[in-house]
Amino acid sequence: MRLCYACDLIDDPEKIKEYIQYHTQDNTWPEITKSIKDSGIKNMEIYILANRLFMIMEVDETFTIERKQAMDAANPKVQQWEELMWKFQQAPPGAAEGEKWLPMKMIYKLE
């Protein structure tokens, strides 16, 4: 199954540059990569346009957003990463308090 999410960054070129640096292959914390894989995410890609992020995840049958949230809440390293990322991220329009990555709704598919 494929899931798509959007998030916004603070519209500051220096912060955006630093955020991108944290997400290069050499700078992403290995504990975060392990956490992602352990939750049932088989593949993840994040794209950027100006200060808008778009994430595509391919997940297996064990993945649920509730399970991922519970795993993240119980993992101190993930909590440290999330706190750091909040320095760069901001909630997109329509987000509830504390939300930053919102699920996107597919409106078209070429078949």
N, C-alpha and C. Protein backbone atom coordinates (compact mmCIF):
# COMPACT_ATOMS: atom_id res chain seq x y z
N MET A 1 0.84 -1.17 0.00
CA MET A 1 0.00 0.00 0.00
C MET A 1 0.89 1.24 0.00
N ARG A 2 0.43 2.27 -0.69
CA ARG A 2 1.15 3.53 -0.76
C ARG A 2 0.39 4.59 0.03
N LEU A 3 1.11 5.34 0.86
CA LEU A 3 0.54 6.44 1.62
C LEU A 3 1.32 7.71 1.29
N CYS A 4 0.62 8.83 1.19
CA CYS A 4 1.25 10.11 0.87
C CYS A 4 0.90 11.14 1.93
N TYR A 5 1.89 11.90 2.36
CA TYR A 5 1.72 12.91 3.40
C TYR A 5 2.39 14.20 2.96
N ALA A 6 1.90 15.32 3.52
CA ALA A 6 2.51 16.63 3.26
C ALA A 6 2.81 17.31 4.59
N CYS A 7 3.85 18.12 4.56
CA CYS A 7 4.27 18.91 5.71
C CYS A 7 4.93 20.17 5.17
N ASP A 8 4.90 21.23 5.94
CA ASP A 8 5.55 22.46 5.52
C ASP A 8 6.77 22.72 6.39
N LEU A 9 7.75 23.38 5.78
CA LEU A 9 8.91 23.86 6.51
C LEU A 9 8.73 25.35 6.77
N ILE A 10 9.39 25.83 7.79
CA ILE A 10 9.44 27.27 8.03
C ILE A 10 10.10 27.89 6.80
N ASP A 11 9.51 28.92 6.27
CA ASP A 11 9.98 29.50 5.01
C ASP A 11 11.20 30.38 5.22
N ASP A 12 12.32 29.71 5.49
CA ASP A 12 13.60 30.36 5.74
C ASP A 12 14.66 29.55 4.98
N PRO A 13 15.30 30.13 3.97
CA PRO A 13 16.25 29.38 3.14
C PRO A 13 17.35 28.66 3.93
N GLU A 14 17.85 29.29 4.97
CA GLU A 14 18.91 28.64 5.77
C GLU A 14 18.38 27.43 6.54
N LYS A 15 17.17 27.56 7.11
CA LYS A 15 16.57 26.43 7.83
C LYS A 15 16.24 25.30 6.86
N ILE A 16 15.76 25.64 5.68
CA ILE A 16 15.45 24.63 4.69
C ILE A 16 16.71 23.89 4.27
N LYS A 17 17.78 24.62 4.05
CA LYS A 17 19.06 24.01 3.69
C LYS A 17 19.53 23.05 4.79
N GLU A 18 19.42 23.48 6.04
CA GLU A 18 19.83 22.63 7.17
C GLU A 18 18.93 21.39 7.27
N TYR A 19 17.64 21.55 7.07
CA TYR A 19 16.71 20.42 7.10
C TYR A 19 17.10 19.38 6.04
N ILE A 20 17.38 19.86 4.85
CA ILE A 20 17.79 18.96 3.77
C ILE A 20 19.07 18.22 4.16
N GLN A 21 20.00 18.91 4.78
CA GLN A 21 21.25 18.27 5.21
C GLN A 21 20.99 17.12 6.18
N TYR A 22 20.06 17.30 7.10
CA TYR A 22 19.73 16.22 8.04
C TYR A 22 19.16 14.99 7.32
N HIS A 23 18.63 15.18 6.13
CA HIS A 23 17.99 14.08 5.42
C HIS A 23 18.85 13.48 4.31
N THR A 24 20.11 13.86 4.23
CA THR A 24 21.00 13.19 3.29
C THR A 24 21.35 11.81 3.85
N GLN A 25 21.74 10.91 2.97
CA GLN A 25 22.04 9.53 3.36
C GLN A 25 23.05 9.46 4.50
N ASP A 26 24.05 10.32 4.49
CA ASP A 26 25.11 10.26 5.50
C ASP A 26 24.72 10.90 6.83
N ASN A 27 23.68 11.73 6.84
CA ASN A 27 23.34 12.46 8.06
C ASN A 27 22.09 11.97 8.78
N THR A 28 21.29 11.15 8.13
CA THR A 28 20.10 10.64 8.80
C THR A 28 20.54 9.68 9.89
N TRP A 29 20.01 9.86 11.08
CA TRP A 29 20.41 9.02 12.21
C TRP A 29 20.01 7.56 11.94
N PRO A 30 20.92 6.62 12.16
CA PRO A 30 20.61 5.20 11.90
C PRO A 30 19.45 4.69 12.75
N GLU A 31 19.28 5.23 13.95
CA GLU A 31 18.16 4.81 14.80
C GLU A 31 16.82 5.19 14.19
N ILE A 32 16.80 6.30 13.45
CA ILE A 32 15.57 6.75 12.80
C ILE A 32 15.26 5.84 11.62
N THR A 33 16.27 5.52 10.83
CA THR A 33 16.07 4.60 9.71
C THR A 33 15.57 3.25 10.21
N LYS A 34 16.16 2.74 11.29
CA LYS A 34 15.72 1.46 11.86
C LYS A 34 14.27 1.55 12.34
N SER A 35 13.92 2.63 13.00
CA SER A 35 12.56 2.82 13.48
C SER A 35 11.55 2.82 12.33
N ILE A 36 11.90 3.48 11.25
CA ILE A 36 11.04 3.53 10.07
C ILE A 36 10.81 2.12 9.53
N LYS A 37 11.89 1.39 9.34
CA LYS A 37 11.79 0.03 8.79
C LYS A 37 11.04 -0.90 9.74
N ASP A 38 11.31 -0.79 11.04
CA ASP A 38 10.66 -1.66 12.03
C ASP A 38 9.14 -1.45 12.08
N SER A 39 8.67 -0.30 11.65
CA SER A 39 7.23 -0.01 11.72
C SER A 39 6.45 -0.59 10.54
N GLY A 40 7.15 -1.17 9.57
CA GLY A 40 6.47 -1.74 8.41
C GLY A 40 6.55 -0.88 7.17
N ILE A 41 7.36 0.16 7.22
CA ILE A 41 7.57 1.00 6.04
C ILE A 41 8.68 0.37 5.22
N LYS A 42 8.35 -0.03 3.99
CA LYS A 42 9.31 -0.70 3.12
C LYS A 42 10.14 0.28 2.31
N ASN A 43 9.53 1.40 1.97
CA ASN A 43 10.22 2.41 1.18
C ASN A 43 9.62 3.77 1.54
N MET A 44 10.48 4.78 1.56
CA MET A 44 10.03 6.14 1.87
C MET A 44 10.82 7.10 1.01
N GLU A 45 10.13 8.06 0.42
CA GLU A 45 10.77 9.13 -0.33
C GLU A 45 10.17 10.45 0.14
N ILE A 46 11.01 11.47 0.28
CA ILE A 46 10.53 12.80 0.63
C ILE A 46 11.00 13.76 -0.46
N TYR A 47 10.06 14.54 -0.98
CA TYR A 47 10.33 15.54 -2.03
C TYR A 47 10.07 16.92 -1.44
N ILE A 48 10.70 17.93 -2.04
CA ILE A 48 10.52 19.30 -1.57
C ILE A 48 10.23 20.22 -2.75
N LEU A 49 9.33 21.16 -2.52
CA LEU A 49 9.05 22.25 -3.46
C LEU A 49 8.92 23.50 -2.62
N ALA A 50 9.87 24.40 -2.75
CA ALA A 50 9.93 25.60 -1.89
C ALA A 50 9.97 25.14 -0.43
N ASN A 51 8.92 25.43 0.35
CA ASN A 51 8.93 24.99 1.74
C ASN A 51 7.90 23.87 1.99
N ARG A 52 7.37 23.27 0.93
CA ARG A 52 6.39 22.18 1.05
C ARG A 52 7.10 20.85 0.87
N LEU A 53 6.88 19.93 1.81
CA LEU A 53 7.40 18.57 1.74
C LEU A 53 6.30 17.62 1.32
N PHE A 54 6.67 16.61 0.54
CA PHE A 54 5.75 15.57 0.11
C PHE A 54 6.43 14.24 0.36
N MET A 55 5.79 13.35 1.15
CA MET A 55 6.37 12.06 1.49
C MET A 55 5.50 10.95 0.92
N ILE A 56 6.17 10.00 0.28
CA ILE A 56 5.51 8.80 -0.24
C ILE A 56 6.06 7.62 0.54
N MET A 57 5.18 6.80 1.09
CA MET A 57 5.60 5.62 1.82
C MET A 57 4.94 4.38 1.21
N GLU A 58 5.73 3.35 1.01
CA GLU A 58 5.22 2.03 0.66
C GLU A 58 5.29 1.22 1.94
N VAL A 59 4.15 0.70 2.38
CA VAL A 59 4.08 0.01 3.67
C VAL A 59 3.62 -1.43 3.47
N ASP A 60 3.98 -2.29 4.44
CA ASP A 60 3.52 -3.68 4.39
C ASP A 60 2.25 -3.82 5.24
N GLU A 61 1.76 -5.05 5.35
CA GLU A 61 0.49 -5.30 6.03
C GLU A 61 0.55 -5.08 7.54
N THR A 62 1.76 -4.96 8.11
CA THR A 62 1.87 -4.73 9.56
C THR A 62 1.74 -3.26 9.92
N PHE A 63 1.84 -2.38 8.94
CA PHE A 63 1.86 -0.94 9.22
C PHE A 63 0.47 -0.40 9.50
N THR A 64 0.38 0.36 10.59
CA THR A 64 -0.77 1.25 10.82
C THR A 64 -0.19 2.53 11.40
N ILE A 65 -0.87 3.63 11.17
CA ILE A 65 -0.38 4.91 11.69
C ILE A 65 -0.40 4.88 13.22
N GLU A 66 -1.40 4.20 13.80
CA GLU A 66 -1.48 4.12 15.27
C GLU A 66 -0.30 3.34 15.84
N ARG A 67 0.06 2.23 15.20
CA ARG A 67 1.22 1.44 15.65
C ARG A 67 2.50 2.27 15.53
N LYS A 68 2.66 2.97 14.41
CA LYS A 68 3.86 3.81 14.21
C LYS A 68 3.93 4.90 15.27
N GLN A 69 2.81 5.55 15.56
CA GLN A 69 2.80 6.60 16.58
C GLN A 69 3.16 6.05 17.96
N ALA A 70 2.65 4.86 18.29
CA ALA A 70 2.97 4.24 19.58
C ALA A 70 4.45 3.87 19.66
N MET A 71 4.98 3.32 18.58
CA MET A 71 6.41 2.98 18.54
C MET A 71 7.26 4.23 18.70
N ASP A 72 6.89 5.30 18.00
CA ASP A 72 7.64 6.55 18.08
C ASP A 72 7.59 7.14 19.48
N ALA A 73 6.43 7.10 20.12
CA ALA A 73 6.27 7.65 21.46
C ALA A 73 7.13 6.90 22.48
N ALA A 74 7.38 5.62 22.23
CA ALA A 74 8.16 4.79 23.15
C ALA A 74 9.65 4.80 22.85
N ASN A 75 10.07 5.51 21.81
CA ASN A 75 11.47 5.50 21.39
C ASN A 75 12.11 6.86 21.67
N PRO A 76 12.98 6.95 22.69
CA PRO A 76 13.59 8.24 23.04
C PRO A 76 14.38 8.88 21.89
N LYS A 77 15.02 8.08 21.06
CA LYS A 77 15.80 8.65 19.96
C LYS A 77 14.87 9.27 18.91
N VAL A 78 13.74 8.63 18.65
CA VAL A 78 12.76 9.20 17.72
C VAL A 78 12.21 10.50 18.30
N GLN A 79 11.95 10.52 19.60
CA GLN A 79 11.45 11.74 20.23
C GLN A 79 12.46 12.87 20.12
N GLN A 80 13.75 12.54 20.28
CA GLN A 80 14.81 13.53 20.14
C GLN A 80 14.85 14.06 18.70
N TRP A 81 14.73 13.16 17.72
CA TRP A 81 14.71 13.55 16.30
C TRP A 81 13.52 14.45 16.01
N GLU A 82 12.34 14.06 16.51
CA GLU A 82 11.12 14.85 16.25
C GLU A 82 11.23 16.25 16.86
N GLU A 83 11.79 16.33 18.04
CA GLU A 83 11.99 17.64 18.67
C GLU A 83 12.92 18.50 17.83
N LEU A 84 13.98 17.91 17.32
CA LEU A 84 14.92 18.63 16.45
C LEU A 84 14.23 19.08 15.16
N MET A 85 13.42 18.19 14.56
CA MET A 85 12.77 18.53 13.29
C MET A 85 11.74 19.64 13.45
N TRP A 86 11.13 19.78 14.64
CA TRP A 86 10.17 20.87 14.86
C TRP A 86 10.82 22.24 14.72
N LYS A 87 12.16 22.31 14.81
CA LYS A 87 12.86 23.58 14.59
C LYS A 87 12.71 24.05 13.15
N PHE A 88 12.43 23.10 12.26
CA PHE A 88 12.37 23.39 10.83
C PHE A 88 10.96 23.30 10.26
N GLN A 89 10.14 22.44 10.85
CA GLN A 89 8.81 22.15 10.31
C GLN A 89 7.75 23.04 10.93
N GLN A 90 6.68 23.22 10.17
CA GLN A 90 5.50 23.90 10.70
C GLN A 90 4.27 23.16 10.18
N ALA A 91 3.22 23.26 10.90
CA ALA A 91 2.01 22.56 10.51
C ALA A 91 1.43 23.14 9.23
N PRO A 92 1.02 22.29 8.30
CA PRO A 92 0.36 22.80 7.10
C PRO A 92 -1.06 23.27 7.41
N PRO A 93 -1.67 24.00 6.49
CA PRO A 93 -3.04 24.45 6.71
C PRO A 93 -3.96 23.27 7.02
N GLY A 94 -4.83 23.47 8.00
CA GLY A 94 -5.79 22.43 8.39
C GLY A 94 -5.30 21.46 9.44
N ALA A 95 -4.05 21.61 9.88
CA ALA A 95 -3.51 20.69 10.88
C ALA A 95 -4.07 21.00 12.27
N ALA A 96 -4.26 19.95 13.04
CA ALA A 96 -4.66 20.11 14.44
C ALA A 96 -3.41 20.40 15.27
N GLU A 97 -3.61 20.81 16.50
CA GLU A 97 -2.49 21.09 17.42
C GLU A 97 -1.56 19.88 17.49
N GLY A 98 -0.27 20.10 17.25
CA GLY A 98 0.72 19.04 17.33
C GLY A 98 0.91 18.23 16.06
N GLU A 99 0.05 18.40 15.07
CA GLU A 99 0.19 17.68 13.81
C GLU A 99 1.14 18.45 12.88
N LYS A 100 1.92 17.68 12.13
CA LYS A 100 2.75 18.33 11.13
C LYS A 100 2.71 17.59 9.79
N TRP A 101 2.70 16.28 9.79
CA TRP A 101 2.56 15.52 8.56
C TRP A 101 1.09 15.12 8.42
N LEU A 102 0.44 15.60 7.37
CA LEU A 102 -0.97 15.30 7.14
C LEU A 102 -1.14 14.38 5.94
N PRO A 103 -2.05 13.40 6.04
CA PRO A 103 -2.28 12.51 4.91
C PRO A 103 -2.91 13.27 3.75
N MET A 104 -2.48 12.90 2.56
CA MET A 104 -3.02 13.51 1.35
C MET A 104 -4.05 12.57 0.73
N LYS A 105 -5.02 13.13 0.07
CA LYS A 105 -6.07 12.36 -0.57
C LYS A 105 -5.82 12.31 -2.07
N MET A 106 -5.81 11.10 -2.62
CA MET A 106 -5.63 10.96 -4.05
C MET A 106 -6.88 11.48 -4.77
N ILE A 107 -6.65 12.30 -5.78
CA ILE A 107 -7.78 12.81 -6.55
C ILE A 107 -7.74 12.36 -8.01
N TYR A 108 -6.63 11.73 -8.42
CA TYR A 108 -6.52 11.27 -9.81
C TYR A 108 -5.51 10.13 -9.88
N LYS A 109 -5.82 9.15 -10.70
CA LYS A 109 -4.89 8.04 -10.96
C LYS A 109 -5.03 7.63 -12.42
N LEU A 110 -3.95 7.64 -13.14
CA LEU A 110 -3.94 7.20 -14.53
C LEU A 110 -3.96 5.68 -14.57
N GLU A 111 -4.93 5.14 -15.27
CA GLU A 111 -5.00 3.68 -15.39
C GLU A 111 -5.13 3.29 -16.84
